[in-house]
Protein backbone atom coordinates (compact mmCIF):
# COMPACT_ATOMS: atom_id res chain seq x y z
CA MET A 1 -7.72 -49.22 -28.02
CA GLN A 2 -6.28 -45.92 -29.20
CA TRP A 3 -9.56 -45.23 -31.01
CA ALA A 4 -11.48 -45.80 -27.77
CA ILE A 5 -9.21 -43.38 -25.86
CA ARG A 6 -9.59 -40.73 -28.57
CA ALA A 7 -13.36 -41.14 -28.50
CA GLY A 8 -13.38 -40.74 -24.72
CA VAL A 9 -11.26 -37.61 -24.91
CA LEU A 10 -13.54 -36.21 -27.62
CA ALA A 11 -16.63 -36.94 -25.53
CA LEU A 12 -15.11 -35.20 -22.52
CA GLY A 13 -14.22 -32.24 -24.68
CA LEU A 14 -17.79 -31.96 -25.95
CA ILE A 15 -19.11 -32.12 -22.40
CA GLY A 16 -16.68 -29.33 -21.43
CA VAL A 17 -17.90 -27.19 -24.33
CA ALA A 18 -21.51 -27.81 -23.37
CA VAL A 19 -20.84 -26.85 -19.75
CA ALA A 20 -18.92 -23.73 -20.77
CA ALA A 21 -21.71 -22.69 -23.10
CA GLN A 22 -24.32 -22.58 -20.32
CA PRO A 23 -24.99 -19.04 -19.04
CA LYS A 24 -23.60 -18.15 -15.63
CA ALA A 25 -26.16 -17.70 -12.89
CA LYS A 26 -26.69 -14.03 -12.06
CA PRO A 27 -25.95 -13.01 -8.49
CA PRO A 28 -29.05 -11.97 -6.52
CA ALA A 29 -29.90 -8.32 -7.02
CA ALA A 30 -28.99 -6.04 -4.12
CA PRO A 31 -32.03 -4.64 -2.32
CA PRO A 32 -32.77 -1.00 -3.07
CA PRO A 33 -31.12 1.36 -0.57
CA VAL A 34 -32.92 3.28 2.13
CA GLN A 35 -32.72 6.98 1.29
CA VAL A 36 -32.40 9.17 4.38
CA MET A 37 -32.97 12.93 4.46
CA VAL A 38 -32.06 14.49 7.80
CA LEU A 39 -33.69 17.89 8.30
CA GLY A 40 -32.01 19.67 11.20
CA THR A 41 -34.29 22.12 13.00
CA TYR A 42 -34.20 24.68 15.75
CA HIS A 43 -36.55 24.17 18.68
CA PHE A 44 -39.73 26.08 17.83
CA GLY A 45 -41.22 25.74 21.31
CA ASN A 46 -38.25 27.15 23.29
CA PRO A 47 -37.90 24.19 25.70
CA GLY A 48 -34.60 25.60 27.04
CA LEU A 49 -33.00 22.18 27.46
CA ASP A 50 -29.67 22.83 25.72
CA ILE A 51 -26.47 24.32 27.14
CA ASN A 52 -26.83 27.23 24.73
CA ASN A 53 -30.44 28.17 24.00
CA MET A 54 -31.98 30.67 21.61
CA LYS A 55 -35.30 32.47 21.69
CA ALA A 56 -37.40 31.33 18.75
CA ASP A 57 -40.17 33.57 17.43
CA SER A 58 -43.66 32.10 17.48
CA VAL A 59 -44.36 29.86 14.51
CA LEU A 60 -48.10 30.02 15.15
CA THR A 61 -48.61 33.36 13.39
CA PRO A 62 -50.31 33.35 9.97
CA GLN A 63 -47.07 34.39 8.28
CA ARG A 64 -44.99 31.64 9.86
CA GLN A 65 -47.70 29.07 9.18
CA ALA A 66 -47.65 30.01 5.49
CA GLU A 67 -43.84 29.70 5.49
CA LEU A 68 -44.00 26.31 7.16
CA GLN A 69 -46.51 25.14 4.58
CA ARG A 70 -44.06 26.15 1.83
CA VAL A 71 -41.31 24.19 3.59
CA ALA A 72 -43.58 21.15 3.87
CA GLU A 73 -44.59 21.28 0.22
CA ALA A 74 -40.95 21.64 -0.87
CA ILE A 75 -39.80 18.68 1.25
CA LEU A 76 -42.76 16.65 0.01
CA ALA A 77 -41.00 16.47 -3.36
CA PHE A 78 -38.65 13.95 -1.67
CA ARG A 79 -41.70 11.64 -1.55
CA PRO A 80 -41.07 10.30 1.98
CA THR A 81 -42.44 6.87 2.81
CA ARG A 82 -41.61 7.36 6.50
CA VAL A 83 -41.27 10.36 8.80
CA MET A 84 -39.18 9.93 11.95
CA VAL A 85 -38.97 12.50 14.75
CA GLU A 86 -37.16 13.36 17.99
CA ARG A 87 -39.59 11.57 20.24
CA GLN A 88 -39.30 8.35 22.22
CA SER A 89 -41.80 5.59 21.57
CA ASN A 90 -42.45 2.23 23.19
CA GLU A 91 -45.11 1.36 20.62
CA PRO A 92 -44.70 -1.36 17.96
CA GLY A 93 -42.66 -0.02 15.08
CA PHE A 94 -41.77 3.09 17.16
CA ALA A 95 -45.12 4.71 16.28
CA VAL A 96 -45.84 8.06 17.96
CA PRO A 97 -49.39 7.73 19.38
CA ASP A 98 -50.55 11.34 19.18
CA TYR A 99 -50.02 11.57 15.42
CA ALA A 100 -53.35 9.72 15.19
CA THR A 101 -55.06 12.81 16.66
CA PHE A 102 -53.26 15.34 14.47
CA ASP A 103 -55.62 17.99 13.12
CA ALA A 104 -55.85 21.71 12.34
CA ALA A 105 -56.37 22.54 16.02
CA MET A 106 -53.12 20.82 16.99
CA LEU A 107 -51.30 22.63 14.19
CA ALA A 108 -52.65 25.96 15.42
CA SER A 109 -51.72 25.42 19.07
CA ARG A 110 -48.58 23.29 19.40
CA ALA A 111 -45.40 25.16 18.53
CA ASN A 112 -42.90 22.37 18.21
CA GLU A 113 -41.06 21.05 15.18
CA THR A 114 -42.41 17.52 15.52
CA VAL A 115 -45.95 18.78 14.91
CA GLN A 116 -45.22 21.76 12.69
CA ILE A 117 -42.89 19.96 10.28
CA GLY A 118 -43.02 16.23 11.00
CA TYR A 119 -46.77 15.73 11.37
CA ARG A 120 -47.56 18.31 8.69
CA ILE A 121 -45.42 16.57 6.06
CA ALA A 122 -46.54 13.08 7.10
CA ARG A 123 -50.18 14.10 6.62
CA LEU A 124 -49.44 15.67 3.21
CA ALA A 125 -47.64 12.46 2.22
CA GLY A 126 -50.64 10.36 3.27
CA LEU A 127 -48.71 8.44 5.92
CA THR A 128 -50.67 6.60 8.61
CA ALA A 129 -47.86 6.72 11.18
CA VAL A 130 -44.97 8.87 12.36
CA GLN A 131 -42.12 7.11 14.15
CA GLY A 132 -40.26 8.33 17.24
CA ILE A 133 -36.66 7.16 17.26
CA ASP A 134 -35.15 9.25 20.04
CA GLU A 135 -32.87 7.70 22.63
CA GLN A 136 -32.63 8.90 26.24
CA PRO A 137 -30.97 7.18 29.21
CA GLY A 138 -33.18 5.03 31.36
CA PRO A 139 -32.52 3.83 34.94
CA GLY A 140 -28.99 2.54 35.25
CA GLU A 141 -27.98 3.77 31.79
CA PRO A 142 -25.16 6.26 31.16
CA ASP A 143 -25.58 10.00 30.65
CA TYR A 144 -25.40 10.67 26.91
CA PHE A 145 -24.30 14.27 27.49
CA PRO A 146 -22.07 14.41 30.61
CA TYR A 147 -21.60 18.17 30.44
CA GLY A 148 -21.54 18.61 34.23
CA LYS A 149 -18.53 16.30 34.45
CA LEU A 150 -16.83 18.19 31.62
CA GLU A 151 -17.44 21.52 33.36
CA ALA A 152 -16.10 20.23 36.69
CA THR A 153 -12.99 18.80 35.06
CA ALA A 154 -12.30 22.02 33.19
CA GLN A 155 -12.60 24.00 36.43
CA ARG A 156 -10.34 21.63 38.35
CA LEU A 157 -7.61 21.74 35.71
CA GLY A 158 -7.77 25.42 34.87
CA GLN A 159 -9.26 24.69 31.42
CA THR A 160 -12.46 26.69 31.90
CA PRO A 161 -11.31 29.30 29.32
CA VAL A 162 -11.41 26.58 26.65
CA LEU A 163 -15.02 25.77 27.50
CA GLU A 164 -15.94 29.44 27.73
CA ARG A 165 -14.50 30.07 24.27
CA LEU A 166 -16.45 27.17 22.78
CA ASN A 167 -19.70 28.28 24.42
CA GLY A 168 -19.01 31.85 23.35
CA GLU A 169 -18.75 30.82 19.72
CA VAL A 170 -22.06 28.94 19.91
CA GLY A 171 -23.72 31.80 21.78
CA ALA A 172 -22.61 34.33 19.16
CA TRP A 173 -23.97 32.14 16.37
CA LEU A 174 -27.30 31.79 18.15
CA LYS A 175 -27.60 35.54 18.71
CA ASP A 176 -27.01 36.09 15.02
CA PHE A 177 -29.66 33.47 14.28
CA GLU A 178 -32.15 35.16 16.62
CA ALA A 179 -31.59 38.48 14.83
CA ALA A 180 -32.04 36.80 11.43
CA GLN A 181 -35.60 35.81 12.38
CA LYS A 182 -36.66 39.43 11.82
CA THR A 183 -35.87 39.29 8.09
CA SER A 184 -35.82 35.57 7.21
CA SER A 185 -38.50 33.05 6.38
CA VAL A 186 -38.65 29.67 8.15
CA GLY A 187 -37.21 28.11 5.01
CA GLN A 188 -34.24 30.48 5.11
CA LEU A 189 -33.71 29.85 8.82
CA LEU A 190 -33.75 26.09 8.30
CA ALA A 191 -31.25 26.50 5.46
CA ARG A 192 -28.91 28.17 7.95
CA MET A 193 -29.35 25.24 10.30
CA ASN A 194 -28.63 22.66 7.58
CA ASP A 195 -25.66 24.38 5.94
CA PRO A 196 -22.88 21.73 6.02
CA ASN A 197 -20.30 24.50 6.40
CA GLY A 198 -22.19 26.24 9.21
CA LEU A 199 -21.95 25.69 12.93
CA GLN A 200 -24.45 22.81 13.04
CA GLY A 201 -22.94 20.95 10.10
CA LYS A 202 -19.57 20.56 11.81
CA MET A 203 -18.20 19.22 15.09
CA ASP A 204 -16.13 22.23 16.15
CA TYR A 205 -17.70 22.42 19.62
CA TYR A 206 -17.33 18.72 20.42
CA TYR A 207 -13.91 18.26 18.91
CA GLY A 208 -12.76 21.52 20.48
CA ALA A 209 -13.59 19.98 23.86
CA LEU A 210 -11.61 16.77 23.24
CA GLY A 211 -8.54 18.09 25.04
CA ILE A 212 -10.35 18.97 28.27
CA GLY A 213 -9.02 16.60 30.91
CA ASP A 214 -5.76 14.93 31.86
CA ARG A 215 -4.23 11.48 31.71
CA ASP A 216 -6.72 9.97 34.14
CA ASP A 217 -9.84 12.05 33.48
CA GLN A 218 -10.54 12.62 29.81
CA SER A 219 -13.90 14.31 30.20
CA GLY A 220 -13.79 15.91 26.74
CA ALA A 221 -13.30 12.53 25.11
CA ASP A 222 -16.08 11.06 27.28
CA LEU A 223 -18.49 13.78 26.14
CA ASN A 224 -17.71 13.03 22.50
CA ALA A 225 -18.03 9.28 23.00
CA MET A 226 -21.41 9.53 24.71
CA TRP A 227 -22.79 11.96 22.12
CA TYR A 228 -21.70 9.53 19.42
CA LEU A 229 -23.38 6.68 21.32
CA ARG A 230 -26.71 8.47 21.55
CA ASN A 231 -26.72 9.26 17.84
CA ALA A 232 -25.61 5.74 16.95
CA LYS A 233 -28.57 4.35 18.92
CA ILE A 234 -30.92 6.80 17.19
CA PHE A 235 -29.71 5.64 13.80
CA GLY A 236 -29.92 2.03 14.95
CA LYS A 237 -33.62 2.59 15.64
CA LEU A 238 -33.99 4.15 12.19
CA MET A 239 -32.54 0.97 10.69
CA GLN A 240 -34.91 -1.20 12.74
CA ALA A 241 -37.90 0.88 11.66
CA SER A 242 -37.18 1.04 7.91
CA GLN A 243 -37.23 -1.34 4.96
CA PRO A 244 -35.19 -1.49 1.73
CA GLY A 245 -36.45 1.11 -0.72
CA ASP A 246 -37.86 3.42 1.99
CA ARG A 247 -37.43 7.17 1.71
CA VAL A 248 -37.02 8.32 5.30
CA LEU A 249 -37.42 11.93 6.39
CA VAL A 250 -35.82 12.54 9.79
CA ILE A 251 -36.84 15.70 11.69
CA TYR A 252 -34.30 16.32 14.46
CA GLY A 253 -32.59 19.08 16.42
CA SER A 254 -29.75 20.37 14.28
CA GLY A 255 -27.12 19.38 16.86
CA HIS A 256 -27.64 15.80 15.66
CA LEU A 257 -27.11 16.68 12.00
CA PHE A 258 -23.44 15.76 11.72
CA TRP A 259 -23.66 12.24 13.11
CA LEU A 260 -27.02 11.26 11.62
CA ARG A 261 -25.85 12.30 8.14
CA HIS A 262 -22.55 10.53 8.78
CA PHE A 263 -24.38 7.27 9.44
CA ALA A 264 -26.61 7.73 6.37
CA ARG A 265 -23.52 8.24 4.21
CA HIS A 266 -21.43 5.38 5.55
CA THR A 267 -23.86 2.61 6.52
CA PRO A 268 -24.15 -0.04 3.77
CA GLY A 269 -27.60 -0.01 2.20
CA TYR A 270 -28.32 3.62 3.16
CA VAL A 271 -27.99 6.82 1.15
CA ASP A 272 -27.73 10.36 2.48
CA VAL A 273 -30.04 12.87 0.77
CA ASP A 274 -29.18 16.55 1.15
CA ALA A 275 -32.10 18.68 2.37
CA MET A 276 -30.59 21.94 1.13
CA PRO A 277 -31.85 21.82 -2.48
CA TYR A 278 -35.39 21.29 -1.18
CA LEU A 279 -35.10 24.08 1.38
CA LYS A 280 -33.91 26.50 -1.28
CA LYS A 281 -37.18 25.95 -3.12
CA ALA A 282 -39.10 26.90 0.04
CA ARG A 283 -37.30 30.21 0.58
C-alpha cells in the first residue's frame, strides 16, 4: 500500500516537472504606436479670424516658394503615412476632396498653409489622400471659443485690464513676428511658431484668463474648457483616422500646438514627434 502511495506521489511529481518545463506563452505583442508630428503654422492667407491677427507676407513669391519647398523636403524625412490639416470633412475617412485636384496651378495661386505645406508634402510623400480633422460647432452645439462672453464678463467686473494685458502680450509678439518676416525664411518663421518655450508653445494667454469671472460666472474657466474640448475632438478625429504604425503629420494653426502635442504625448499608443529638428534643417 505504501509502495502504491509513493508511486502515485512520484507520478504527480513528474507531471509537475513536465508542466513546469513547458515554456510560458508570450503575451501578444503591443501594436506599433502612431507617431504624431504637429507642425504649428501661421495663417499664410491672412483670413483675419483670430482675436489677434498678423499680416503675413505673400508666400507666392519665387523666394517664398523655394523656402517652402525646403521646409517640405525637410519634413519629408519624417516619412509621413498620413497628412492631416485644419479643414472639416464629411467624406469617408475625413478625406479632403480638393486634394485630388492639387497641381502646380493651385500651388501658385492659393496662399494658405493647407495647400502650401499640407498638400505639397502629401504629394511629395506619394499620398493619395489628405485628411481634414477640424472641429467647428454645428447647429445647437456650443461655442468652442466664447470670447464675447469673456469680454463682457471682464467689463462687468472691472477685469478688462487683465484681458487687455493678455491681448497686449500677444499683439507685441505678433508685431515682432511680422517684422521678422523681412529677414527670416519660412523655415525660420515656422521654428518661431513651434518653439515650445515661445508664446505658441505655452498656455499663458488661456491660463492668464482663468481668473476672469466671479463665483457664479467663471467665463475664463469656460473659455479654457471649450478650447480644450475643441482640441480634444480634433485629436479624437485623428485617432479615428489613423492606424497603428502610422506616421501622422498634422498641419494646424499654432494656437492648437499645446493641446495637440499634449494629447500625442499622453494618449496610450501615440508618440509625440518634435518638428523642431526637421525645421532646423530647412532654415
